Amino acid sequence: TGVQLEVGDVATDFEHRSYADELRRCQRYCFKWSADNHAYSNFATGNVVATSQVYGIFQGLPVPMRAAATLTTSGNFRVWDPDGGANGVTVAMGRGHVYTPTITLTSGATPFTGGKATECGANNDTSAQFTLSAEL
């Protein structure tokens, strides 16, 4: 906007930041993943820890979060493994690590086999999304 506010009586040189730098600074506080019109878009890999539960690791953060994040979701999600998987799973925050936050995906059924690797993503939902927030 070309405006810079100053504290005190002495003005400093105008600070110019690139769009990319400003975006990275903002992404430390909030990062939104969206299926972006891909009905089965994946956002995490995971590991089956129980017949109805998967721990997933989201590794697509462009920058580390400012602090441990909280999670909000909307849409329909699924977990897929080589033996099948589950649709309509719930997604909750696992560990809000600043570099690699984890999520817990839970199915109402018991379709999983312990120790299997999985993919986690949208379940035929082009509007599925989640937001990691590390606001002050």
N, C-alpha and C. Protein backbone atom coordinates (compact mmCIF):
# COMPACT_ATOMS: atom_id res chain seq x y z
N THR A 1 0.82 -1.20 0.00
CA THR A 1 0.00 0.00 0.00
C THR A 1 0.85 1.25 0.00
N GLY A 2 2.13 1.12 0.27
CA GLY A 2 3.01 2.28 0.29
C GLY A 2 2.94 3.08 1.58
N VAL A 3 2.39 2.51 2.65
CA VAL A 3 2.28 3.20 3.92
C VAL A 3 3.08 2.43 4.97
N GLN A 4 3.82 3.15 5.78
CA GLN A 4 4.58 2.53 6.86
C GLN A 4 4.36 3.35 8.12
N LEU A 5 3.89 2.70 9.18
CA LEU A 5 3.67 3.38 10.45
C LEU A 5 4.91 3.29 11.31
N GLU A 6 5.20 4.36 12.02
CA GLU A 6 6.39 4.43 12.86
C GLU A 6 6.00 4.71 14.30
N VAL A 7 6.78 4.19 15.23
CA VAL A 7 6.62 4.51 16.64
C VAL A 7 7.68 5.56 16.98
N GLY A 8 7.28 6.65 17.61
CA GLY A 8 8.24 7.69 17.99
C GLY A 8 8.23 8.86 17.02
N ASP A 9 9.23 9.72 17.18
CA ASP A 9 9.30 10.96 16.41
C ASP A 9 10.22 10.88 15.20
N VAL A 10 11.01 9.81 15.05
CA VAL A 10 11.99 9.72 13.98
C VAL A 10 11.53 8.70 12.94
N ALA A 11 11.47 9.14 11.70
CA ALA A 11 11.08 8.25 10.61
C ALA A 11 12.29 7.45 10.14
N THR A 12 12.07 6.21 9.79
CA THR A 12 13.14 5.35 9.25
C THR A 12 12.89 5.16 7.76
N ASP A 13 13.88 4.62 7.08
CA ASP A 13 13.73 4.34 5.65
C ASP A 13 12.58 3.35 5.45
N PHE A 14 11.89 3.50 4.32
CA PHE A 14 10.78 2.61 4.01
C PHE A 14 11.32 1.20 3.78
N GLU A 15 10.67 0.21 4.41
CA GLU A 15 11.10 -1.18 4.28
C GLU A 15 10.36 -1.83 3.12
N HIS A 16 11.12 -2.26 2.12
CA HIS A 16 10.54 -2.92 0.95
C HIS A 16 10.72 -4.43 1.08
N ARG A 17 9.62 -5.15 1.00
CA ARG A 17 9.67 -6.62 1.01
C ARG A 17 9.03 -7.13 -0.26
N SER A 18 9.57 -8.22 -0.77
CA SER A 18 8.98 -8.82 -1.96
C SER A 18 7.67 -9.52 -1.59
N TYR A 19 6.84 -9.76 -2.57
CA TYR A 19 5.60 -10.49 -2.35
C TYR A 19 5.89 -11.87 -1.76
N ALA A 20 6.89 -12.57 -2.30
CA ALA A 20 7.24 -13.91 -1.82
C ALA A 20 7.67 -13.88 -0.36
N ASP A 21 8.46 -12.90 0.03
CA ASP A 21 8.89 -12.79 1.42
C ASP A 21 7.70 -12.52 2.34
N GLU A 22 6.81 -11.64 1.93
CA GLU A 22 5.63 -11.32 2.74
C GLU A 22 4.72 -12.55 2.86
N LEU A 23 4.56 -13.32 1.79
CA LEU A 23 3.75 -14.54 1.82
C LEU A 23 4.34 -15.55 2.80
N ARG A 24 5.66 -15.76 2.74
CA ARG A 24 6.31 -16.69 3.68
C ARG A 24 6.09 -16.26 5.13
N ARG A 25 6.17 -14.97 5.39
CA ARG A 25 5.94 -14.47 6.75
C ARG A 25 4.51 -14.76 7.20
N CYS A 26 3.56 -14.61 6.30
CA CYS A 26 2.16 -14.88 6.64
C CYS A 26 1.90 -16.37 6.85
N GLN A 27 2.54 -17.21 6.04
CA GLN A 27 2.32 -18.66 6.13
C GLN A 27 2.83 -19.24 7.45
N ARG A 28 3.65 -18.53 8.17
CA ARG A 28 4.07 -18.98 9.50
C ARG A 28 2.89 -18.99 10.46
N TYR A 29 1.89 -18.16 10.21
CA TYR A 29 0.74 -18.01 11.09
C TYR A 29 -0.47 -18.82 10.62
N CYS A 30 -0.59 -19.03 9.33
CA CYS A 30 -1.75 -19.73 8.81
C CYS A 30 -1.40 -20.41 7.49
N PHE A 31 -1.76 -21.68 7.37
CA PHE A 31 -1.57 -22.39 6.12
C PHE A 31 -2.84 -23.16 5.81
N LYS A 32 -3.35 -22.99 4.62
CA LYS A 32 -4.59 -23.66 4.21
C LYS A 32 -4.28 -24.64 3.09
N TRP A 33 -4.71 -25.89 3.28
CA TRP A 33 -4.63 -26.90 2.22
C TRP A 33 -6.03 -27.05 1.65
N SER A 34 -6.12 -27.13 0.34
CA SER A 34 -7.40 -27.31 -0.32
C SER A 34 -7.27 -28.34 -1.43
N ALA A 35 -8.33 -29.10 -1.65
CA ALA A 35 -8.33 -30.10 -2.72
C ALA A 35 -8.22 -29.44 -4.10
N ASP A 36 -8.53 -28.17 -4.19
CA ASP A 36 -8.39 -27.40 -5.43
C ASP A 36 -8.96 -28.11 -6.65
N ASN A 37 -10.19 -28.50 -6.56
CA ASN A 37 -10.92 -29.12 -7.67
C ASN A 37 -10.37 -30.48 -8.08
N HIS A 38 -9.60 -31.12 -7.22
CA HIS A 38 -9.14 -32.49 -7.43
C HIS A 38 -9.85 -33.36 -6.40
N ALA A 39 -10.82 -34.12 -6.82
CA ALA A 39 -11.72 -34.84 -5.92
C ALA A 39 -11.02 -35.81 -4.98
N TYR A 40 -9.85 -36.32 -5.38
CA TYR A 40 -9.14 -37.30 -4.54
C TYR A 40 -7.71 -36.84 -4.24
N SER A 41 -7.52 -35.55 -4.09
CA SER A 41 -6.21 -34.97 -3.81
C SER A 41 -5.68 -35.46 -2.46
N ASN A 42 -4.40 -35.83 -2.42
CA ASN A 42 -3.77 -36.30 -1.17
C ASN A 42 -3.03 -35.16 -0.48
N PHE A 43 -3.02 -35.20 0.86
CA PHE A 43 -2.31 -34.17 1.61
C PHE A 43 -1.35 -34.73 2.64
N ALA A 44 -1.39 -36.03 2.91
CA ALA A 44 -0.50 -36.60 3.93
C ALA A 44 -0.26 -38.08 3.66
N THR A 45 0.84 -38.56 4.16
CA THR A 45 1.09 -40.00 4.23
C THR A 45 0.86 -40.40 5.68
N GLY A 46 0.56 -41.67 5.88
CA GLY A 46 0.26 -42.08 7.24
C GLY A 46 0.66 -43.51 7.52
N ASN A 47 0.41 -43.91 8.75
CA ASN A 47 0.70 -45.24 9.23
C ASN A 47 -0.48 -45.71 10.07
N VAL A 48 -0.95 -46.93 9.81
CA VAL A 48 -2.05 -47.49 10.57
C VAL A 48 -1.56 -47.84 11.97
N VAL A 49 -2.24 -47.32 12.98
CA VAL A 49 -1.87 -47.61 14.37
C VAL A 49 -2.93 -48.44 15.08
N ALA A 50 -4.12 -48.52 14.51
CA ALA A 50 -5.21 -49.35 15.06
C ALA A 50 -6.14 -49.67 13.89
N THR A 51 -7.02 -50.63 14.08
CA THR A 51 -7.89 -51.04 12.98
C THR A 51 -8.83 -49.93 12.51
N SER A 52 -8.99 -48.88 13.31
CA SER A 52 -9.84 -47.77 12.91
C SER A 52 -9.12 -46.43 12.94
N GLN A 53 -7.78 -46.44 13.09
CA GLN A 53 -7.07 -45.17 13.26
C GLN A 53 -5.74 -45.14 12.51
N VAL A 54 -5.48 -43.97 11.93
CA VAL A 54 -4.25 -43.72 11.18
C VAL A 54 -3.62 -42.44 11.70
N TYR A 55 -2.30 -42.44 11.86
CA TYR A 55 -1.57 -41.22 12.15
C TYR A 55 -0.96 -40.75 10.84
N GLY A 56 -1.23 -39.51 10.48
CA GLY A 56 -0.71 -38.96 9.24
C GLY A 56 0.27 -37.83 9.51
N ILE A 57 1.21 -37.67 8.59
CA ILE A 57 2.18 -36.58 8.70
C ILE A 57 2.02 -35.70 7.47
N PHE A 58 1.68 -34.46 7.71
CA PHE A 58 1.58 -33.49 6.63
C PHE A 58 2.95 -32.87 6.42
N GLN A 59 3.50 -33.07 5.23
CA GLN A 59 4.86 -32.60 4.98
C GLN A 59 4.93 -31.52 3.92
N GLY A 60 3.82 -30.87 3.66
CA GLY A 60 3.80 -29.88 2.60
C GLY A 60 3.87 -28.44 3.04
N LEU A 61 4.27 -28.20 4.28
CA LEU A 61 4.34 -26.81 4.73
C LEU A 61 5.43 -26.06 3.97
N PRO A 62 5.11 -24.88 3.46
CA PRO A 62 6.12 -24.11 2.72
C PRO A 62 7.18 -23.51 3.63
N VAL A 63 6.80 -23.24 4.88
CA VAL A 63 7.73 -22.70 5.89
C VAL A 63 7.31 -23.28 7.23
N PRO A 64 8.20 -23.31 8.22
CA PRO A 64 7.78 -23.77 9.56
C PRO A 64 6.72 -22.83 10.13
N MET A 65 5.79 -23.40 10.90
CA MET A 65 4.78 -22.59 11.57
C MET A 65 5.45 -21.78 12.69
N ARG A 66 4.83 -20.70 13.09
CA ARG A 66 5.36 -19.85 14.15
C ARG A 66 5.37 -20.58 15.48
N ALA A 67 4.37 -21.43 15.71
CA ALA A 67 4.23 -22.19 16.95
C ALA A 67 3.40 -23.43 16.63
N ALA A 68 3.17 -24.26 17.63
CA ALA A 68 2.31 -25.42 17.43
C ALA A 68 0.95 -24.95 16.92
N ALA A 69 0.47 -25.59 15.87
CA ALA A 69 -0.74 -25.14 15.20
C ALA A 69 -1.99 -25.84 15.72
N THR A 70 -3.13 -25.21 15.47
CA THR A 70 -4.42 -25.85 15.67
C THR A 70 -4.99 -26.16 14.29
N LEU A 71 -5.98 -27.04 14.24
CA LEU A 71 -6.50 -27.52 12.96
C LEU A 71 -8.01 -27.31 12.88
N THR A 72 -8.46 -26.81 11.74
CA THR A 72 -9.88 -26.80 11.41
C THR A 72 -10.04 -27.44 10.04
N THR A 73 -11.13 -28.19 9.86
CA THR A 73 -11.35 -28.90 8.59
C THR A 73 -12.76 -28.66 8.09
N SER A 74 -12.93 -28.88 6.80
CA SER A 74 -14.26 -28.93 6.21
C SER A 74 -14.19 -29.86 5.01
N GLY A 75 -15.28 -30.55 4.76
CA GLY A 75 -15.32 -31.46 3.62
C GLY A 75 -15.23 -32.91 4.04
N ASN A 76 -15.07 -33.77 3.05
CA ASN A 76 -15.02 -35.22 3.25
C ASN A 76 -13.61 -35.74 2.97
N PHE A 77 -13.14 -36.63 3.87
CA PHE A 77 -11.78 -37.15 3.77
C PHE A 77 -11.79 -38.67 3.73
N ARG A 78 -10.69 -39.22 3.26
CA ARG A 78 -10.54 -40.67 3.16
C ARG A 78 -9.12 -41.07 3.49
N VAL A 79 -8.95 -42.35 3.78
CA VAL A 79 -7.64 -42.96 3.95
C VAL A 79 -7.59 -44.15 3.00
N TRP A 80 -6.51 -44.27 2.27
CA TRP A 80 -6.35 -45.36 1.32
C TRP A 80 -5.09 -46.12 1.67
N ASP A 81 -5.17 -47.45 1.66
CA ASP A 81 -3.97 -48.28 1.79
C ASP A 81 -4.05 -49.37 0.72
N PRO A 82 -3.00 -50.15 0.53
CA PRO A 82 -3.00 -51.15 -0.55
C PRO A 82 -4.13 -52.18 -0.45
N ASP A 83 -4.71 -52.37 0.74
CA ASP A 83 -5.81 -53.32 0.91
C ASP A 83 -7.18 -52.69 0.80
N GLY A 84 -7.25 -51.41 0.56
CA GLY A 84 -8.55 -50.72 0.49
C GLY A 84 -8.48 -49.40 1.20
N GLY A 85 -9.26 -49.28 2.26
CA GLY A 85 -9.24 -48.04 3.03
C GLY A 85 -10.60 -47.70 3.56
N ALA A 86 -10.79 -46.42 3.88
CA ALA A 86 -12.05 -45.97 4.46
C ALA A 86 -12.39 -44.59 3.94
N ASN A 87 -13.66 -44.38 3.72
CA ASN A 87 -14.18 -43.07 3.33
C ASN A 87 -14.85 -42.44 4.54
N GLY A 88 -14.99 -41.13 4.51
CA GLY A 88 -15.70 -40.44 5.57
C GLY A 88 -15.00 -40.47 6.91
N VAL A 89 -13.68 -40.42 6.92
CA VAL A 89 -12.94 -40.42 8.18
C VAL A 89 -12.94 -39.01 8.78
N THR A 90 -12.81 -38.94 10.09
CA THR A 90 -12.67 -37.64 10.76
C THR A 90 -11.19 -37.32 10.89
N VAL A 91 -10.87 -36.06 10.78
CA VAL A 91 -9.48 -35.60 10.86
C VAL A 91 -9.35 -34.71 12.08
N ALA A 92 -8.37 -35.00 12.93
CA ALA A 92 -8.11 -34.20 14.13
C ALA A 92 -6.62 -33.93 14.23
N MET A 93 -6.28 -32.88 14.96
CA MET A 93 -4.87 -32.55 15.17
C MET A 93 -4.23 -33.61 16.05
N GLY A 94 -3.07 -34.07 15.64
CA GLY A 94 -2.29 -34.97 16.47
C GLY A 94 -1.31 -34.14 17.28
N ARG A 95 -0.16 -33.92 16.69
CA ARG A 95 0.89 -33.12 17.33
C ARG A 95 1.12 -31.89 16.47
N GLY A 96 1.03 -30.73 17.06
CA GLY A 96 1.17 -29.49 16.31
C GLY A 96 2.60 -29.04 16.14
N HIS A 97 3.47 -29.89 15.67
CA HIS A 97 4.88 -29.55 15.48
C HIS A 97 5.02 -28.46 14.43
N VAL A 98 5.98 -27.57 14.59
CA VAL A 98 6.14 -26.45 13.68
C VAL A 98 6.63 -26.86 12.29
N TYR A 99 7.36 -27.96 12.17
CA TYR A 99 7.87 -28.42 10.88
C TYR A 99 6.99 -29.48 10.23
N THR A 100 6.57 -30.47 11.00
CA THR A 100 5.79 -31.58 10.46
C THR A 100 4.63 -31.91 11.39
N PRO A 101 3.56 -31.14 11.33
CA PRO A 101 2.42 -31.44 12.18
C PRO A 101 1.83 -32.80 11.84
N THR A 102 1.32 -33.49 12.84
CA THR A 102 0.69 -34.79 12.60
C THR A 102 -0.82 -34.65 12.80
N ILE A 103 -1.54 -35.54 12.12
CA ILE A 103 -2.98 -35.58 12.23
C ILE A 103 -3.39 -37.00 12.58
N THR A 104 -4.57 -37.13 13.17
CA THR A 104 -5.14 -38.43 13.47
C THR A 104 -6.40 -38.56 12.64
N LEU A 105 -6.50 -39.63 11.87
CA LEU A 105 -7.68 -39.89 11.06
C LEU A 105 -8.38 -41.11 11.63
N THR A 106 -9.67 -40.99 11.90
CA THR A 106 -10.40 -42.06 12.55
C THR A 106 -11.60 -42.46 11.69
N SER A 107 -11.78 -43.76 11.56
CA SER A 107 -12.89 -44.32 10.80
C SER A 107 -13.91 -44.90 11.77
N GLY A 108 -15.20 -44.81 11.42
CA GLY A 108 -16.23 -45.43 12.23
C GLY A 108 -16.21 -46.95 12.11
N ALA A 109 -15.60 -47.45 11.05
CA ALA A 109 -15.47 -48.90 10.85
C ALA A 109 -14.06 -49.32 11.26
N THR A 110 -13.70 -50.57 11.00
CA THR A 110 -12.36 -51.07 11.33
C THR A 110 -11.72 -51.69 10.08
N PRO A 111 -11.44 -50.85 9.08
CA PRO A 111 -10.95 -51.37 7.81
C PRO A 111 -9.44 -51.53 7.68
N PHE A 112 -8.67 -51.11 8.69
CA PHE A 112 -7.23 -51.02 8.52
C PHE A 112 -6.49 -52.20 9.14
N THR A 113 -5.31 -52.47 8.58
CA THR A 113 -4.42 -53.49 9.11
C THR A 113 -3.21 -52.78 9.69
N GLY A 114 -2.88 -53.04 10.95
CA GLY A 114 -1.79 -52.36 11.63
C GLY A 114 -0.48 -52.40 10.88
N GLY A 115 0.24 -51.29 10.92
CA GLY A 115 1.56 -51.20 10.32
C GLY A 115 1.58 -50.85 8.85
N LYS A 116 0.44 -50.77 8.20
CA LYS A 116 0.40 -50.45 6.76
C LYS A 116 0.63 -48.96 6.54
N ALA A 117 1.23 -48.65 5.42
CA ALA A 117 1.39 -47.26 5.00
C ALA A 117 0.10 -46.83 4.32
N THR A 118 -0.24 -45.56 4.44
CA THR A 118 -1.48 -45.05 3.87
C THR A 118 -1.26 -43.70 3.19
N GLU A 119 -2.25 -43.32 2.41
CA GLU A 119 -2.36 -41.98 1.86
C GLU A 119 -3.64 -41.38 2.40
N CYS A 120 -3.61 -40.10 2.71
CA CYS A 120 -4.77 -39.42 3.28
C CYS A 120 -5.12 -38.27 2.35
N GLY A 121 -6.41 -38.10 2.09
CA GLY A 121 -6.79 -37.02 1.20
C GLY A 121 -8.28 -36.79 1.14
N ALA A 122 -8.67 -36.04 0.14
CA ALA A 122 -10.07 -35.71 -0.08
C ALA A 122 -10.82 -36.96 -0.54
N ASN A 123 -12.07 -37.08 -0.14
CA ASN A 123 -12.91 -38.21 -0.52
C ASN A 123 -13.98 -37.74 -1.50
N ASN A 124 -13.62 -37.73 -2.78
CA ASN A 124 -14.54 -37.31 -3.84
C ASN A 124 -15.17 -35.95 -3.49
N ASP A 125 -14.33 -35.03 -3.03
CA ASP A 125 -14.80 -33.72 -2.58
C ASP A 125 -13.81 -32.65 -3.02
N THR A 126 -14.17 -31.92 -4.06
CA THR A 126 -13.27 -30.89 -4.59
C THR A 126 -13.15 -29.67 -3.68
N SER A 127 -14.03 -29.57 -2.67
CA SER A 127 -13.97 -28.43 -1.77
C SER A 127 -13.37 -28.78 -0.40
N ALA A 128 -12.89 -30.02 -0.22
CA ALA A 128 -12.30 -30.41 1.06
C ALA A 128 -11.10 -29.52 1.37
N GLN A 129 -10.96 -29.16 2.64
CA GLN A 129 -9.83 -28.32 3.02
C GLN A 129 -9.57 -28.41 4.51
N PHE A 130 -8.36 -28.03 4.90
CA PHE A 130 -8.06 -27.85 6.31
C PHE A 130 -7.14 -26.65 6.46
N THR A 131 -7.18 -26.09 7.64
CA THR A 131 -6.37 -24.91 7.93
C THR A 131 -5.56 -25.15 9.19
N LEU A 132 -4.27 -24.92 9.11
CA LEU A 132 -3.39 -24.93 10.28
C LEU A 132 -3.18 -23.49 10.70
N SER A 133 -3.46 -23.21 11.96
CA SER A 133 -3.36 -21.85 12.46
C SER A 133 -2.42 -21.77 13.66
N ALA A 134 -1.49 -20.83 13.61
CA ALA A 134 -0.58 -20.57 14.73
C ALA A 134 -0.64 -19.10 15.07
N GLU A 135 -1.84 -18.58 15.11
CA GLU A 135 -2.05 -17.16 15.42
C GLU A 135 -1.55 -16.84 16.82
N LEU A 136 -1.30 -15.59 17.06
CA LEU A 136 -0.86 -15.13 18.38
C LEU A 136 -1.96 -15.28 19.39
